[in-house]
């Protein structure tokens, strides 16, 4: 497992469909509303640190919790080959 840094820029590799309650991406991975928000920001231009800041602003959560959740989801999606780091 590669170590992620906050200045890296994740890029989506898969197609997805958005629904009222979240999203479904290729290979049947379902994302809730928060996961969908993070997924949309994985555009290859936005850094992980910027994604964390956006999650804090949108969901009014503590930085430590946002960082843990964002890094965890990004790492999982990299392992599933749904994201790559630019």
N, C-alpha and C. Protein backbone atom coordinates (compact mmCIF):
# COMPACT_ATOMS: atom_id res chain seq x y z
N UNK A 1 0.84 -1.17 0.00
CA UNK A 1 0.00 0.00 0.00
C UNK A 1 0.88 1.24 0.00
N UNK A 2 0.67 2.10 -0.99
CA UNK A 2 1.44 3.32 -1.07
C UNK A 2 0.90 4.34 -0.08
N UNK A 3 1.80 5.15 0.43
CA UNK A 3 1.40 6.17 1.39
C UNK A 3 0.92 7.40 0.63
N UNK A 4 -0.26 7.87 0.96
CA UNK A 4 -0.80 9.06 0.32
C UNK A 4 -0.30 10.31 1.03
N UNK A 5 -0.09 11.37 0.26
CA UNK A 5 0.25 12.67 0.84
C UNK A 5 -0.85 13.66 0.47
N UNK A 6 -0.99 14.69 1.25
CA UNK A 6 -2.10 15.62 1.10
C UNK A 6 -2.01 16.49 -0.14
N UNK A 7 -0.83 16.56 -0.78
CA UNK A 7 -0.71 17.39 -1.98
C UNK A 7 -0.93 16.59 -3.27
N UNK A 8 -1.21 15.30 -3.15
CA UNK A 8 -1.46 14.48 -4.33
C UNK A 8 -2.86 14.75 -4.88
N UNK A 9 -3.03 14.46 -6.18
CA UNK A 9 -4.29 14.75 -6.87
C UNK A 9 -4.88 13.46 -7.43
N UNK A 10 -5.91 12.91 -6.76
CA UNK A 10 -6.53 11.68 -7.26
C UNK A 10 -7.39 11.95 -8.51
N UNK A 11 -7.40 10.96 -9.41
CA UNK A 11 -8.13 11.07 -10.67
C UNK A 11 -9.04 9.86 -10.84
N UNK A 12 -10.31 10.11 -11.12
CA UNK A 12 -11.28 9.03 -11.38
C UNK A 12 -10.90 8.30 -12.66
N UNK A 13 -11.01 6.98 -12.64
CA UNK A 13 -10.75 6.17 -13.82
C UNK A 13 -12.01 5.49 -14.33
N UNK A 14 -13.04 5.44 -13.53
CA UNK A 14 -14.25 4.71 -13.86
C UNK A 14 -15.42 5.65 -14.09
N UNK A 15 -16.39 5.14 -14.83
CA UNK A 15 -17.67 5.83 -15.02
C UNK A 15 -18.53 5.61 -13.78
N UNK A 16 -19.54 6.46 -13.58
CA UNK A 16 -20.45 6.28 -12.46
C UNK A 16 -21.81 6.87 -12.79
N UNK A 17 -22.77 6.43 -12.04
CA UNK A 17 -24.13 6.97 -12.13
C UNK A 17 -24.52 7.51 -10.76
N UNK A 18 -25.09 8.69 -10.78
CA UNK A 18 -25.48 9.31 -9.51
C UNK A 18 -26.99 9.14 -9.29
N UNK A 19 -27.34 8.80 -8.07
CA UNK A 19 -28.73 8.63 -7.66
C UNK A 19 -29.01 9.56 -6.49
N UNK A 20 -30.25 9.66 -6.08
CA UNK A 20 -30.62 10.54 -4.97
C UNK A 20 -29.87 10.20 -3.69
N UNK A 21 -29.62 8.92 -3.46
CA UNK A 21 -29.02 8.49 -2.20
C UNK A 21 -27.52 8.21 -2.30
N UNK A 22 -26.90 8.50 -3.43
CA UNK A 22 -25.48 8.25 -3.59
C UNK A 22 -25.15 7.92 -5.02
N UNK A 23 -24.11 7.13 -5.22
CA UNK A 23 -23.67 6.78 -6.56
C UNK A 23 -23.30 5.32 -6.63
N UNK A 24 -23.30 4.81 -7.85
CA UNK A 24 -22.83 3.46 -8.13
C UNK A 24 -21.76 3.59 -9.19
N UNK A 25 -20.55 3.11 -8.88
CA UNK A 25 -19.48 3.19 -9.86
C UNK A 25 -19.23 1.80 -10.42
N UNK A 26 -18.46 1.75 -11.49
CA UNK A 26 -18.17 0.48 -12.15
C UNK A 26 -17.81 -0.60 -11.13
N UNK A 27 -18.03 -1.84 -11.51
CA UNK A 27 -17.75 -3.01 -10.68
C UNK A 27 -18.63 -3.06 -9.43
N UNK A 28 -19.74 -2.32 -9.43
CA UNK A 28 -20.73 -2.44 -8.37
C UNK A 28 -20.38 -1.79 -7.06
N UNK A 29 -19.44 -0.88 -7.03
CA UNK A 29 -19.10 -0.19 -5.78
C UNK A 29 -20.12 0.92 -5.55
N UNK A 30 -20.79 0.88 -4.41
CA UNK A 30 -21.79 1.89 -4.06
C UNK A 30 -21.17 2.92 -3.13
N UNK A 31 -21.47 4.17 -3.38
CA UNK A 31 -20.99 5.27 -2.53
C UNK A 31 -22.19 6.00 -1.94
N UNK A 32 -22.09 6.36 -0.67
CA UNK A 32 -23.14 7.17 -0.06
C UNK A 32 -22.96 8.63 -0.50
N UNK A 33 -23.73 9.52 0.06
CA UNK A 33 -23.68 10.94 -0.32
C UNK A 33 -22.28 11.53 -0.11
N UNK A 34 -21.68 11.23 1.02
CA UNK A 34 -20.34 11.76 1.31
C UNK A 34 -19.31 11.17 0.36
N UNK A 35 -19.39 9.87 0.12
CA UNK A 35 -18.48 9.23 -0.82
C UNK A 35 -18.61 9.80 -2.22
N UNK A 36 -19.85 10.07 -2.63
CA UNK A 36 -20.10 10.66 -3.94
C UNK A 36 -19.49 12.06 -4.02
N UNK A 37 -19.63 12.84 -2.96
CA UNK A 37 -19.04 14.18 -2.91
C UNK A 37 -17.52 14.10 -3.08
N UNK A 38 -16.88 13.18 -2.36
CA UNK A 38 -15.44 12.99 -2.47
C UNK A 38 -15.07 12.52 -3.87
N UNK A 39 -15.81 11.54 -4.39
CA UNK A 39 -15.55 10.97 -5.72
C UNK A 39 -15.56 12.06 -6.80
N UNK A 40 -16.53 12.96 -6.74
CA UNK A 40 -16.64 14.02 -7.74
C UNK A 40 -15.43 14.95 -7.70
N UNK A 41 -14.84 15.12 -6.53
CA UNK A 41 -13.68 15.99 -6.40
C UNK A 41 -12.38 15.33 -6.85
N UNK A 42 -12.42 14.05 -7.13
CA UNK A 42 -11.23 13.32 -7.60
C UNK A 42 -11.11 13.51 -9.11
N UNK A 43 -10.78 14.75 -9.50
CA UNK A 43 -10.77 15.15 -10.91
C UNK A 43 -9.37 15.29 -11.48
N UNK A 44 -8.35 14.94 -10.70
CA UNK A 44 -6.97 15.08 -11.16
C UNK A 44 -6.42 16.48 -11.02
N UNK A 45 -7.25 17.41 -10.56
CA UNK A 45 -6.84 18.80 -10.38
C UNK A 45 -6.87 19.22 -8.91
N UNK A 46 -7.74 18.57 -8.15
CA UNK A 46 -7.96 18.91 -6.75
C UNK A 46 -7.08 18.05 -5.86
N UNK A 47 -6.34 18.68 -4.95
CA UNK A 47 -5.48 17.91 -4.06
C UNK A 47 -6.30 17.23 -2.97
N UNK A 48 -5.71 16.23 -2.36
CA UNK A 48 -6.37 15.56 -1.24
C UNK A 48 -6.65 16.56 -0.13
N UNK A 49 -5.72 17.47 0.12
CA UNK A 49 -5.92 18.49 1.15
C UNK A 49 -7.12 19.37 0.83
N UNK A 50 -7.30 19.73 -0.44
CA UNK A 50 -8.45 20.53 -0.85
C UNK A 50 -9.75 19.74 -0.70
N UNK A 51 -9.70 18.45 -0.98
CA UNK A 51 -10.87 17.59 -0.81
C UNK A 51 -11.26 17.54 0.67
N UNK A 52 -10.27 17.37 1.54
CA UNK A 52 -10.53 17.35 2.99
C UNK A 52 -11.18 18.67 3.43
N UNK A 53 -10.64 19.79 2.96
CA UNK A 53 -11.20 21.10 3.32
C UNK A 53 -12.64 21.23 2.83
N UNK A 54 -12.94 20.72 1.65
CA UNK A 54 -14.30 20.78 1.11
C UNK A 54 -15.26 19.92 1.94
N UNK A 55 -14.79 18.76 2.39
CA UNK A 55 -15.61 17.89 3.24
C UNK A 55 -15.90 18.57 4.57
N UNK A 56 -14.90 19.20 5.16
CA UNK A 56 -15.09 19.92 6.42
C UNK A 56 -16.13 21.02 6.26
N UNK A 57 -16.02 21.78 5.17
CA UNK A 57 -16.94 22.89 4.93
C UNK A 57 -18.36 22.39 4.69
N UNK A 58 -18.52 21.37 3.86
CA UNK A 58 -19.86 20.88 3.49
C UNK A 58 -20.55 20.16 4.64
N UNK A 59 -19.81 19.33 5.37
CA UNK A 59 -20.42 18.46 6.38
C UNK A 59 -20.18 18.91 7.82
N UNK A 60 -19.41 20.01 8.01
CA UNK A 60 -19.14 20.55 9.34
C UNK A 60 -18.62 19.47 10.29
N UNK A 61 -17.53 18.85 9.87
CA UNK A 61 -16.90 17.80 10.68
C UNK A 61 -15.50 18.24 11.10
N UNK A 62 -14.96 17.57 12.10
CA UNK A 62 -13.61 17.85 12.57
C UNK A 62 -12.59 17.44 11.51
N UNK A 63 -11.48 18.18 11.45
CA UNK A 63 -10.45 17.91 10.44
C UNK A 63 -9.94 16.47 10.54
N UNK A 64 -9.70 16.00 11.74
CA UNK A 64 -9.16 14.65 11.93
C UNK A 64 -10.11 13.60 11.34
N UNK A 65 -11.41 13.76 11.56
CA UNK A 65 -12.38 12.81 11.02
C UNK A 65 -12.46 12.90 9.51
N UNK A 66 -12.47 14.12 8.98
CA UNK A 66 -12.53 14.31 7.53
C UNK A 66 -11.31 13.70 6.86
N UNK A 67 -10.13 13.95 7.44
CA UNK A 67 -8.89 13.42 6.87
C UNK A 67 -8.91 11.89 6.85
N UNK A 68 -9.32 11.30 7.95
CA UNK A 68 -9.38 9.83 8.04
C UNK A 68 -10.33 9.26 6.99
N UNK A 69 -11.52 9.86 6.87
CA UNK A 69 -12.51 9.36 5.92
C UNK A 69 -12.08 9.55 4.47
N UNK A 70 -11.55 10.72 4.15
CA UNK A 70 -11.12 11.00 2.77
C UNK A 70 -9.96 10.09 2.39
N UNK A 71 -8.95 10.01 3.24
CA UNK A 71 -7.80 9.16 2.93
C UNK A 71 -8.21 7.70 2.83
N UNK A 72 -9.09 7.26 3.71
CA UNK A 72 -9.54 5.87 3.68
C UNK A 72 -10.27 5.53 2.39
N UNK A 73 -11.18 6.40 1.97
CA UNK A 73 -11.93 6.15 0.74
C UNK A 73 -11.01 6.21 -0.48
N UNK A 74 -10.15 7.20 -0.54
CA UNK A 74 -9.24 7.31 -1.69
C UNK A 74 -8.33 6.09 -1.76
N UNK A 75 -7.79 5.65 -0.64
CA UNK A 75 -6.93 4.47 -0.64
C UNK A 75 -7.70 3.23 -1.11
N UNK A 76 -8.91 3.05 -0.63
CA UNK A 76 -9.73 1.92 -1.05
C UNK A 76 -9.98 1.96 -2.55
N UNK A 77 -10.32 3.12 -3.08
CA UNK A 77 -10.62 3.24 -4.50
C UNK A 77 -9.37 3.10 -5.37
N UNK A 78 -8.21 3.45 -4.85
CA UNK A 78 -6.96 3.19 -5.56
C UNK A 78 -6.72 1.68 -5.63
N UNK A 79 -6.92 1.00 -4.51
CA UNK A 79 -6.73 -0.46 -4.46
C UNK A 79 -7.70 -1.18 -5.40
N UNK A 80 -8.88 -0.60 -5.63
CA UNK A 80 -9.88 -1.17 -6.54
C UNK A 80 -9.63 -0.74 -7.99
N UNK A 81 -8.58 0.05 -8.21
CA UNK A 81 -8.24 0.59 -9.53
C UNK A 81 -9.31 1.53 -10.08
N UNK A 82 -10.06 2.16 -9.19
CA UNK A 82 -11.07 3.14 -9.60
C UNK A 82 -10.47 4.55 -9.66
N UNK A 83 -9.38 4.75 -8.93
CA UNK A 83 -8.67 6.03 -8.91
C UNK A 83 -7.19 5.79 -9.16
N UNK A 84 -6.53 6.82 -9.65
CA UNK A 84 -5.07 6.83 -9.68
C UNK A 84 -4.62 8.19 -9.17
N UNK A 85 -3.37 8.28 -8.80
CA UNK A 85 -2.80 9.54 -8.33
C UNK A 85 -2.05 10.17 -9.49
N UNK A 86 -2.37 11.43 -9.73
CA UNK A 86 -1.70 12.18 -10.80
C UNK A 86 -0.43 12.80 -10.30
